[in-house]
Amino acid sequence: MVAEKVGANPSYVSRLFKEILGISFTSYLTNCRMEASLDLLAKKEIPIREVAEMSGFNTIQNYMRLFKKYYGMAPGQYRDSLQS
């Protein structure tokens, strides 16, 4: 969608993104989504399934797998740690 918005080839945009920022567009987007989910998890009234959806993840399984990879714990554990 980004490439389409700027009227460029997706491969070119991806390559340029990596050259300039040093990470792939997909990695950048995932980082943004993960950071957004941290703010949403602080709102205890929002179920984790909705946090995943609101952060742009297609499935809760994918969100939970990536969350654990990024932060070393499950989203529920992170939320619980905010109470401490």
PDB file of N, CA and C in Angstrom:
ATOM      1  N   MET A   1       0.822  -1.190   0.000  1.00  0.00           N
ATOM      2  CA  MET A   1       0.000   0.000   0.000  1.00  0.00           C
ATOM      3  C   MET A   1       0.869   1.258   0.000  1.00  0.00           C
ATOM      4  N   VAL A   2       1.954   1.228   0.725  1.00  0.00           N
ATOM      5  CA  VAL A   2       2.848   2.389   0.778  1.00  0.00           C
ATOM      6  C   VAL A   2       3.405   2.683  -0.608  1.00  0.00           C
ATOM      7  N   ALA A   3       3.890   1.649  -1.270  1.00  0.00           N
ATOM      8  CA  ALA A   3       4.442   1.829  -2.612  1.00  0.00           C
ATOM      9  C   ALA A   3       3.379   2.389  -3.558  1.00  0.00           C
ATOM     10  N   GLU A   4       2.180   1.892  -3.433  1.00  0.00           N
ATOM     11  CA  GLU A   4       1.088   2.367  -4.277  1.00  0.00           C
ATOM     12  C   GLU A   4       0.809   3.848  -4.023  1.00  0.00           C
ATOM     13  N   LYS A   5       0.823   4.255  -2.760  1.00  0.00           N
ATOM     14  CA  LYS A   5       0.559   5.649  -2.391  1.00  0.00           C
ATOM     15  C   LYS A   5       1.601   6.600  -2.975  1.00  0.00           C
ATOM     16  N   VAL A   6       2.854   6.157  -3.036  1.00  0.00           N
ATOM     17  CA  VAL A   6       3.911   7.026  -3.567  1.00  0.00           C
ATOM     18  C   VAL A   6       4.164   6.783  -5.054  1.00  0.00           C
ATOM     19  N   GLY A   7       3.425   5.867  -5.643  1.00  0.00           N
ATOM     20  CA  GLY A   7       3.540   5.593  -7.064  1.00  0.00           C
ATOM     21  C   GLY A   7       4.842   4.937  -7.466  1.00  0.00           C
ATOM     22  N   ALA A   8       5.301   4.006  -6.634  1.00  0.00           N
ATOM     23  CA  ALA A   8       6.570   3.322  -6.917  1.00  0.00           C
ATOM     24  C   ALA A   8       6.386   1.813  -6.854  1.00  0.00           C
ATOM     25  N   ASN A   9       7.374   1.120  -7.359  1.00  0.00           N
ATOM     26  CA  ASN A   9       7.400  -0.338  -7.320  1.00  0.00           C
ATOM     27  C   ASN A   9       7.631  -0.799  -5.880  1.00  0.00           C
ATOM     28  N   PRO A  10       6.864  -1.767  -5.387  1.00  0.00           N
ATOM     29  CA  PRO A  10       7.046  -2.239  -4.004  1.00  0.00           C
ATOM     30  C   PRO A  10       8.470  -2.713  -3.707  1.00  0.00           C
ATOM     31  N   SER A  11       9.110  -3.378  -4.643  1.00  0.00           N
ATOM     32  CA  SER A  11      10.485  -3.846  -4.423  1.00  0.00           C
ATOM     33  C   SER A  11      11.438  -2.676  -4.253  1.00  0.00           C
ATOM     34  N   TYR A  12      11.243  -1.644  -5.047  1.00  0.00           N
ATOM     35  CA  TYR A  12      12.101  -0.462  -4.959  1.00  0.00           C
ATOM     36  C   TYR A  12      11.918   0.229  -3.607  1.00  0.00           C
ATOM     37  N   VAL A  13      10.690   0.409  -3.183  1.00  0.00           N
ATOM     38  CA  VAL A  13      10.415   1.056  -1.897  1.00  0.00           C
ATOM     39  C   VAL A  13      11.029   0.247  -0.760  1.00  0.00           C
ATOM     40  N   SER A  14      10.872  -1.048  -0.816  1.00  0.00           N
ATOM     41  CA  SER A  14      11.422  -1.917   0.220  1.00  0.00           C
ATOM     42  C   SER A  14      12.947  -1.812   0.270  1.00  0.00           C
ATOM     43  N   ARG A  15      13.584  -1.848  -0.889  1.00  0.00           N
ATOM     44  CA  ARG A  15      15.044  -1.759  -0.963  1.00  0.00           C
ATOM     45  C   ARG A  15      15.529  -0.394  -0.461  1.00  0.00           C
ATOM     46  N   LEU A  16      14.858   0.667  -0.864  1.00  0.00           N
ATOM     47  CA  LEU A  16      15.217   2.014  -0.448  1.00  0.00           C
ATOM     48  C   LEU A  16      15.046   2.178   1.062  1.00  0.00           C
ATOM     49  N   PHE A  17      13.968   1.654   1.583  1.00  0.00           N
ATOM     50  CA  PHE A  17      13.693   1.703   3.020  1.00  0.00           C
ATOM     51  C   PHE A  17      14.832   1.043   3.796  1.00  0.00           C
ATOM     52  N   LYS A  18      15.247  -0.126   3.342  1.00  0.00           N
ATOM     53  CA  LYS A  18      16.326  -0.871   4.000  1.00  0.00           C
ATOM     54  C   LYS A  18      17.644  -0.101   3.906  1.00  0.00           C
ATOM     55  N   GLU A  19      17.924   0.491   2.771  1.00  0.00           N
ATOM     56  CA  GLU A  19      19.167   1.251   2.597  1.00  0.00           C
ATOM     57  C   GLU A  19      19.214   2.456   3.535  1.00  0.00           C
ATOM     58  N   ILE A  20      18.106   3.148   3.672  1.00  0.00           N
ATOM     59  CA  ILE A  20      18.076   4.379   4.464  1.00  0.00           C
ATOM     60  C   ILE A  20      17.999   4.093   5.961  1.00  0.00           C
ATOM     61  N   LEU A  21      17.120   3.199   6.366  1.00  0.00           N
ATOM     62  CA  LEU A  21      16.897   2.960   7.793  1.00  0.00           C
ATOM     63  C   LEU A  21      17.652   1.757   8.356  1.00  0.00           C
ATOM     64  N   GLY A  22      18.137   0.899   7.471  1.00  0.00           N
ATOM     65  CA  GLY A  22      18.893  -0.252   7.947  1.00  0.00           C
ATOM     66  C   GLY A  22      18.057  -1.434   8.395  1.00  0.00           C
ATOM     67  N   ILE A  23      16.743  -1.317   8.280  1.00  0.00           N
ATOM     68  CA  ILE A  23      15.862  -2.447   8.586  1.00  0.00           C
ATOM     69  C   ILE A  23      14.816  -2.537   7.483  1.00  0.00           C
ATOM     70  N   SER A  24      14.227  -3.708   7.329  1.00  0.00           N
ATOM     71  CA  SER A  24      13.216  -3.880   6.294  1.00  0.00           C
ATOM     72  C   SER A  24      11.939  -3.132   6.682  1.00  0.00           C
ATOM     73  N   PHE A  25      11.127  -2.845   5.673  1.00  0.00           N
ATOM     74  CA  PHE A  25       9.852  -2.186   5.931  1.00  0.00           C
ATOM     75  C   PHE A  25       8.984  -3.042   6.845  1.00  0.00           C
ATOM     76  N   THR A  26       8.982  -4.344   6.603  1.00  0.00           N
ATOM     77  CA  THR A  26       8.186  -5.260   7.422  1.00  0.00           C
ATOM     78  C   THR A  26       8.624  -5.218   8.881  1.00  0.00           C
ATOM     79  N   SER A  27       9.927  -5.212   9.121  1.00  0.00           N
ATOM     80  CA  SER A  27      10.433  -5.129  10.501  1.00  0.00           C
ATOM     81  C   SER A  27      10.036  -3.808  11.144  1.00  0.00           C
ATOM     82  N   TYR A  28      10.150  -2.729  10.395  1.00  0.00           N
ATOM     83  CA  TYR A  28       9.770  -1.413  10.904  1.00  0.00           C
ATOM     84  C   TYR A  28       8.286  -1.396  11.288  1.00  0.00           C
ATOM     85  N   LEU A  29       7.447  -1.914  10.396  1.00  0.00           N
ATOM     86  CA  LEU A  29       6.018  -1.945  10.650  1.00  0.00           C
ATOM     87  C   LEU A  29       5.688  -2.798  11.874  1.00  0.00           C
ATOM     88  N   THR A  30       6.347  -3.938  11.993  1.00  0.00           N
ATOM     89  CA  THR A  30       6.123  -4.803  13.158  1.00  0.00           C
ATOM     90  C   THR A  30       6.545  -4.095  14.437  1.00  0.00           C
ATOM     91  N   ASN A  31       7.686  -3.400  14.406  1.00  0.00           N
ATOM     92  CA  ASN A  31       8.135  -2.637  15.584  1.00  0.00           C
ATOM     93  C   ASN A  31       7.089  -1.605  15.990  1.00  0.00           C
ATOM     94  N   CYS A  32       6.566  -0.876  15.015  1.00  0.00           N
ATOM     95  CA  CYS A  32       5.540   0.131  15.304  1.00  0.00           C
ATOM     96  C   CYS A  32       4.295  -0.503  15.915  1.00  0.00           C
ATOM     97  N   ARG A  33       3.886  -1.630  15.350  1.00  0.00           N
ATOM     98  CA  ARG A  33       2.705  -2.315  15.867  1.00  0.00           C
ATOM     99  C   ARG A  33       2.929  -2.829  17.286  1.00  0.00           C
ATOM    100  N   MET A  34       4.113  -3.360  17.543  1.00  0.00           N
ATOM    101  CA  MET A  34       4.404  -3.869  18.883  1.00  0.00           C
ATOM    102  C   MET A  34       4.407  -2.733  19.904  1.00  0.00           C
ATOM    103  N   GLU A  35       5.014  -1.604  19.564  1.00  0.00           N
ATOM    104  CA  GLU A  35       5.027  -0.465  20.480  1.00  0.00           C
ATOM    105  C   GLU A  35       3.623   0.065  20.738  1.00  0.00           C
ATOM    106  N   ALA A  36       2.804   0.108  19.700  1.00  0.00           N
ATOM    107  CA  ALA A  36       1.418   0.552  19.869  1.00  0.00           C
ATOM    108  C   ALA A  36       0.666  -0.400  20.798  1.00  0.00           C
ATOM    109  N   SER A  37       0.959  -1.677  20.695  1.00  0.00           N
ATOM    110  CA  SER A  37       0.255  -2.655  21.539  1.00  0.00           C
ATOM    111  C   SER A  37       0.609  -2.475  23.013  1.00  0.00           C
ATOM    112  N   LEU A  38       1.823  -1.999  23.306  1.00  0.00           N
ATOM    113  CA  LEU A  38       2.200  -1.769  24.708  1.00  0.00           C
ATOM    114  C   LEU A  38       1.283  -0.728  25.343  1.00  0.00           C
ATOM    115  N   ASP A  39       1.007   0.336  24.610  1.00  0.00           N
ATOM    116  CA  ASP A  39       0.100   1.369  25.132  1.00  0.00           C
ATOM    117  C   ASP A  39      -1.307   0.811  25.336  1.00  0.00           C
ATOM    118  N   LEU A  40      -1.753  -0.006  24.399  1.00  0.00           N
ATOM    119  CA  LEU A  40      -3.092  -0.581  24.508  1.00  0.00           C
ATOM    120  C   LEU A  40      -3.185  -1.580  25.659  1.00  0.00           C
ATOM    121  N   LEU A  41      -2.108  -2.320  25.894  1.00  0.00           N
ATOM    122  CA  LEU A  41      -2.126  -3.287  27.002  1.00  0.00           C
ATOM    123  C   LEU A  41      -2.221  -2.598  28.358  1.00  0.00           C
ATOM    124  N   ALA A  42      -1.790  -1.359  28.422  1.00  0.00           N
ATOM    125  CA  ALA A  42      -1.886  -0.608  29.677  1.00  0.00           C
ATOM    126  C   ALA A  42      -3.342  -0.301  30.020  1.00  0.00           C
ATOM    127  N   LYS A  43      -4.212  -0.353  29.030  1.00  0.00           N
ATOM    128  CA  LYS A  43      -5.640  -0.132  29.245  1.00  0.00           C
ATOM    129  C   LYS A  43      -6.280  -1.487  29.520  1.00  0.00           C
ATOM    130  N   LYS A  44      -6.403  -1.811  30.762  1.00  0.00           N
ATOM    131  CA  LYS A  44      -6.804  -3.147  31.192  1.00  0.00           C
ATOM    132  C   LYS A  44      -8.199  -3.555  30.716  1.00  0.00           C
ATOM    133  N   GLU A  45      -9.025  -2.580  30.363  1.00  0.00           N
ATOM    134  CA  GLU A  45     -10.384  -2.910  29.924  1.00  0.00           C
ATOM    135  C   GLU A  45     -10.427  -3.443  28.490  1.00  0.00           C
ATOM    136  N   ILE A  46      -9.332  -3.314  27.757  1.00  0.00           N
ATOM    137  CA  ILE A  46      -9.299  -3.813  26.381  1.00  0.00           C
ATOM    138  C   ILE A  46      -8.779  -5.246  26.384  1.00  0.00           C
ATOM    139  N   PRO A  47      -9.581  -6.206  25.943  1.00  0.00           N
ATOM    140  CA  PRO A  47      -9.122  -7.598  25.893  1.00  0.00           C
ATOM    141  C   PRO A  47      -7.906  -7.753  24.962  1.00  0.00           C
ATOM    142  N   ILE A  48      -7.046  -8.689  25.270  1.00  0.00           N
ATOM    143  CA  ILE A  48      -5.821  -8.897  24.501  1.00  0.00           C
ATOM    144  C   ILE A  48      -6.129  -9.185  23.036  1.00  0.00           C
ATOM    145  N   ARG A  49      -7.187  -9.895  22.769  1.00  0.00           N
ATOM    146  CA  ARG A  49      -7.584 -10.166  21.379  1.00  0.00           C
ATOM    147  C   ARG A  49      -7.830  -8.847  20.627  1.00  0.00           C
ATOM    148  N   GLU A  50      -8.476  -7.896  21.291  1.00  0.00           N
ATOM    149  CA  GLU A  50      -8.729  -6.596  20.663  1.00  0.00           C
ATOM    150  C   GLU A  50      -7.442  -5.786  20.537  1.00  0.00           C
ATOM    151  N   VAL A  51      -6.555  -5.909  21.508  1.00  0.00           N
ATOM    152  CA  VAL A  51      -5.254  -5.236  21.424  1.00  0.00           C
ATOM    153  C   VAL A  51      -4.535  -5.702  20.159  1.00  0.00           C
ATOM    154  N   ALA A  52      -4.552  -6.998  19.920  1.00  0.00           N
ATOM    155  CA  ALA A  52      -3.909  -7.558  18.729  1.00  0.00           C
ATOM    156  C   ALA A  52      -4.525  -6.975  17.466  1.00  0.00           C
ATOM    157  N   GLU A  53      -5.842  -6.959  17.393  1.00  0.00           N
ATOM    158  CA  GLU A  53      -6.544  -6.414  16.227  1.00  0.00           C
ATOM    159  C   GLU A  53      -6.252  -4.931  16.037  1.00  0.00           C
ATOM    160  N   MET A  54      -6.351  -4.170  17.114  1.00  0.00           N
ATOM    161  CA  MET A  54      -6.157  -2.720  17.047  1.00  0.00           C
ATOM    162  C   MET A  54      -4.718  -2.356  16.676  1.00  0.00           C
ATOM    163  N   SER A  55      -3.797  -3.262  16.953  1.00  0.00           N
ATOM    164  CA  SER A  55      -2.385  -3.032  16.634  1.00  0.00           C
ATOM    165  C   SER A  55      -2.041  -3.460  15.216  1.00  0.00           C
ATOM    166  N   GLY A  56      -2.994  -4.051  14.519  1.00  0.00           N
ATOM    167  CA  GLY A  56      -2.790  -4.400  13.121  1.00  0.00           C
ATOM    168  C   GLY A  56      -2.389  -5.834  12.848  1.00  0.00           C
ATOM    169  N   PHE A  57      -2.549  -6.711  13.834  1.00  0.00           N
ATOM    170  CA  PHE A  57      -2.206  -8.120  13.635  1.00  0.00           C
ATOM    171  C   PHE A  57      -3.434  -8.887  13.162  1.00  0.00           C
ATOM    172  N   ASN A  58      -3.227  -9.799  12.212  1.00  0.00           N
ATOM    173  CA  ASN A  58      -4.330 -10.559  11.638  1.00  0.00           C
ATOM    174  C   ASN A  58      -4.858 -11.630  12.575  1.00  0.00           C
ATOM    175  N   THR A  59      -3.980 -12.220  13.370  1.00  0.00           N
ATOM    176  CA  THR A  59      -4.415 -13.267  14.297  1.00  0.00           C
ATOM    177  C   THR A  59      -3.795 -13.037  15.667  1.00  0.00           C
ATOM    178  N   ILE A  60      -4.500 -13.454  16.680  1.00  0.00           N
ATOM    179  CA  ILE A  60      -3.964 -13.321  18.030  1.00  0.00           C
ATOM    180  C   ILE A  60      -2.756 -14.234  18.219  1.00  0.00           C
ATOM    181  N   GLN A  61      -2.752 -15.372  17.525  1.00  0.00           N
ATOM    182  CA  GLN A  61      -1.624 -16.293  17.642  1.00  0.00           C
ATOM    183  C   GLN A  61      -0.336 -15.638  17.142  1.00  0.00           C
ATOM    184  N   ASN A  62      -0.416 -14.975  16.016  1.00  0.00           N
ATOM    185  CA  ASN A  62       0.749 -14.288  15.465  1.00  0.00           C
ATOM    186  C   ASN A  62       1.201 -13.174  16.402  1.00  0.00           C
ATOM    187  N   TYR A  63       0.251 -12.403  16.922  1.00  0.00           N
ATOM    188  CA  TYR A  63       0.565 -11.331  17.864  1.00  0.00           C
ATOM    189  C   TYR A  63       1.265 -11.886  19.103  1.00  0.00           C
ATOM    190  N   MET A  64       0.721 -12.934  19.675  1.00  0.00           N
ATOM    191  CA  MET A  64       1.296 -13.490  20.903  1.00  0.00           C
ATOM    192  C   MET A  64       2.699 -14.059  20.650  1.00  0.00           C
ATOM    193  N   ARG A  65       2.884 -14.699  19.504  1.00  0.00           N
ATOM    194  CA  ARG A  65       4.200 -15.244  19.158  1.00  0.00           C
ATOM    195  C   ARG A  65       5.231 -14.121  19.011  1.00  0.00           C
ATOM    196  N   LEU A  66       4.861 -13.083  18.297  1.00  0.00           N
ATOM    197  CA  LEU A  66       5.783 -11.962  18.103  1.00  0.00           C
ATOM    198  C   LEU A  66       6.024 -11.184  19.393  1.00  0.00           C
ATOM    199  N   PHE A  67       4.982 -11.027  20.195  1.00  0.00           N
ATOM    200  CA  PHE A  67       5.140 -10.316  21.464  1.00  0.00           C
ATOM    201  C   PHE A  67       6.167 -11.022  22.344  1.00  0.00           C
ATOM    202  N   LYS A  68       6.032 -12.333  22.426  1.00  0.00           N
ATOM    203  CA  LYS A  68       6.978 -13.111  23.234  1.00  0.00           C
ATOM    204  C   LYS A  68       8.400 -13.006  22.665  1.00  0.00           C
ATOM    205  N   LYS A  69       8.514 -13.009  21.351  1.00  0.00           N
ATOM    206  CA  LYS A  69       9.823 -12.876  20.708  1.00  0.00           C
ATOM    207  C   LYS A  69      10.443 -11.512  21.025  1.00  0.00           C
ATOM    208  N   TYR A  70       9.646 -10.454  20.971  1.00  0.00           N
ATOM    209  CA  TYR A  70      10.144  -9.103  21.198  1.00  0.00           C
ATOM    210  C   TYR A  70      10.434  -8.811  22.672  1.00  0.00           C
ATOM    211  N   TYR A  71       9.535  -9.232  23.550  1.00  0.00           N
ATOM    212  CA  TYR A  71       9.600  -8.807  24.947  1.00  0.00           C
ATOM    213  C   TYR A  71       9.891  -9.922  25.950  1.00  0.00           C
ATOM    214  N   GLY A  72       9.978 -11.162  25.467  1.00  0.00           N
ATOM    215  CA  GLY A  72      10.346 -12.260  26.354  1.00  0.00           C
ATOM    216  C   GLY A  72       9.257 -12.718  27.298  1.00  0.00           C
ATOM    217  N   MET A  73       8.031 -12.288  27.061  1.00  0.00           N
ATOM    218  CA  MET A  73       6.899 -12.706  27.896  1.00  0.00           C
ATOM    219  C   MET A  73       5.619 -12.575  27.083  1.00  0.00           C
ATOM    220  N   ALA A  74       4.581 -13.194  27.568  1.00  0.00           N
ATOM    221  CA  ALA A  74       3.281 -13.115  26.906  1.00  0.00           C
ATOM    222  C   ALA A  74       2.641 -11.751  27.191  1.00  0.00           C
ATOM    223  N   PRO A  75       1.728 -11.299  26.325  1.00  0.00           N
ATOM    224  CA  PRO A  75       1.061 -10.012  26.562  1.00  0.00           C
ATOM    225  C   PRO A  75       0.374  -9.932  27.933  1.00  0.00           C
ATOM    226  N   GLY A  76      -0.250 -11.025  28.345  1.00  0.00           N
ATOM    227  CA  GLY A  76      -0.898 -11.042  29.662  1.00  0.00           C
ATOM    228  C   GLY A  76       0.099 -10.868  30.793  1.00  0.00           C
ATOM    229  N   GLN A  77       1.269 -11.467  30.662  1.00  0.00           N
ATOM    230  CA  GLN A  77       2.315 -11.301  31.675  1.00  0.00           C
ATOM    231  C   GLN A  77       2.785  -9.849  31.718  1.00  0.00           C
ATOM    232  N   TYR A  78       2.946  -9.256  30.545  1.00  0.00           N
ATOM    233  CA  TYR A  78       3.343  -7.843  30.491  1.00  0.00           C
ATOM    234  C   TYR A  78       2.289  -6.987  31.197  1.00  0.00           C
ATOM    235  N   ARG A  79       1.025  -7.237  30.870  1.00  0.00           N
ATOM    236  CA  ARG A  79      -0.066  -6.460  31.486  1.00  0.00           C
ATOM    237  C   ARG A  79      -0.050  -6.631  32.997  1.00  0.00           C
ATOM    238  N   ASP A  80       0.140  -7.853  33.452  1.00  0.00           N
ATOM    239  CA  ASP A  80       0.211  -8.100  34.898  1.00  0.00           C
ATOM    240  C   ASP A  80       1.385  -7.373  35.543  1.00  0.00           C
ATOM    241  N   SER A  81       2.500  -7.266  34.817  1.00  0.00           N
ATOM    242  CA  SER A  81       3.676  -6.596  35.377  1.00  0.00           C
ATOM    243  C   SER A  81       3.452  -5.097  35.550  1.00  0.00           C
ATOM    244  N   LEU A  82       2.485  -4.538  34.859  1.00  0.00           N
ATOM    245  CA  LEU A  82       2.183  -3.115  34.981  1.00  0.00           C
ATOM    246  C   LEU A  82       1.522  -2.789  36.314  1.00  0.00           C
ATOM    247  N   GLN A  83       0.927  -3.774  36.948  1.00  0.00           N
ATOM    248  CA  GLN A  83       0.266  -3.578  38.227  1.00  0.00           C
ATOM    249  C   GLN A  83       1.256  -3.454  39.371  1.00  0.00           C
ATOM    250  N   SER A  84       2.456  -3.969  39.165  1.00  0.00           N
ATOM    251  CA  SER A  84       3.469  -3.980  40.227  1.00  0.00           C
ATOM    252  C   SER A  84       3.992  -2.594  40.509  1.00  0.00           C
TER     253      SER A  84
END
